[in-house]
Amino acid sequence: MSRSKIVFAVLLAGALVPAARVAGQQLDREARVSPRSAVAGPASAAAHGRKEGGLKLSDVLEALEQRNPRLRAVRSVAAAAAARQPEASTLPDPLFQFGAMNVGLPDLNADMAMTMAPSVQVMQMVPFPGKLSLKGDIAELGTAMAGAGAEETWWAVRSRASDLFYKLYALDRRIEVMRSTLGLLVDFGTVAKAMYSAGTGRQADVLRADVEVARMDGEIRKMQALRIAAAARLNALLARPAETSVPTPVLGALPLEVPGRDVLTAWAEESRPVLERGRLGVEQAEARVKLARKDIWPNLTFGFQYGQRDRGAGTERMGSAIVGFTLPIHAGRRQYAAREEAIAYQRVAEADLGDLRARVGARIDELLAELGQARSLVRLYRDEVLPQARATVESAFSSYRVGTVDFMTLVDAEMTVNRYEGELYQLLADYGTAIAALESAVGRPLPESERTLAEES
């Protein structure tokens, strides 16, 4: 029932021709200076956004992928790890020495029989076989872990952006509903004033209508402040100025049905980056244990030395070959202790992976419960709560026409409908938020469903 029809029917029911004339004049004035004009702001821009197609979640995620500073940072960290990886499996730099040997002191006499000038020596340390390859494996696993961490950050940021998207959706729709309620209250107040002026109404109705208009105006301003804050946080995620205009979000097709827990858990095991990073962490810890076990074996050092001297009868040239190795004389305090440390960290990595799996499974269960609850409540509101509330408005209107209920009973009934409509929009937003969180929990978008949860029934 439109606002104009309600006002017209109320005036007609009272059979107040003079009051109707006064109401019409006041309604014209109210239309020019309606409180609705005082609360124009983000929601009016949002309503314009709906006409223009509005803001889609896919647009937000695309901009997030390109602009989010946190994503750029973690991806740069992953790139840095990849750049460092080849160094781990590369031999240490050789040592080159150049000088003079056996020079006489203190006058630095180079004419002595044992003097060699110049003297050149090159030394190369070679780790025990298998150590370099293990270090390379550890570095490669570290690079993969950094990449998985960057992907996990993407899903976390994606979930945060989706949460703000649906929060903005709910705020915009609730503001629209509140403005509709405010318009009705203004019209009801106009009628109450006209009836009071004609001597057939009560002053209490006029005062109550004014109070409700002021209260609703305050609620709208509160919701607008919340919208400004949510839009600023979304702009921050997108690396845009806080005051950048954000059109009203448009609810996309949300799957009415999602796969079961076993399927989702299997998907998470395959796709969730944090679980992949945990598995890589276990593999890396195992490689560190293997490396620690090899550390007891000595590293080798190979060298070559060249020297020459001139004794007057010609230049004499000499060369030397050197082979050396480390002696693990402190193995109890160094190599064996490092081995125990590596084994302990392996147990830590395995325990962390088990904890991650348990938490991911619990999160999936939690989100499935939230989706089931939101789905049931959306159906309840659409099929029962809102139809009954609207029927109550019709009944209150009919009763008011014959004088069996007072004026504000009609107002309260209409406000109840608008409140339930706002709650329905919030439930739809909660459902979308849970879907986005479930996608982050399993590390992949959910498949499209033939049955979707739409904005309108």
Foldseek 3Di string as FASTA:
>chain_A
DDLVVLLVLLCVLVVDPQLVVQLVVVVVVCVVVPCLVVLDDQLVLQVVLVVVVADELVVLLVLLVVFFPVLVVLVVVLVVLVVCLVVLLDFDDKDKDWAKPDADPDVRHQQDPPIWPIKIKIKGWFFDPPLSVLSSLLSVLVSLLSVLVSLLVSLVLSLVLLLLLLVLQLLSQLLVLLSSLLVSLVSLLSSQVSCVVVVNHDPVSNVVSVVVNVVSSVVSNVSVVVNLVSQLVSCNSSVHHSPDRHHRYFDDWAALDFDDLVVLLVLLCVAQSVLVSLVSQLVSLVSQLVSLVSVQPKIKMKMKMKTWDPNPVDIDIDMDIDMDIDHPPVCVPPSVVSNVVSVVSSVVSVVVSVVLSVVLSVLLVVLVVLLVVLSVVLCCLVPPVLVVLVVQLVVVSVCVSVPNDDSCSNSVSSVSNSVSLSVSSSSSSSNSSSQSVSCSSSNHHTDDHPDTDHPHD
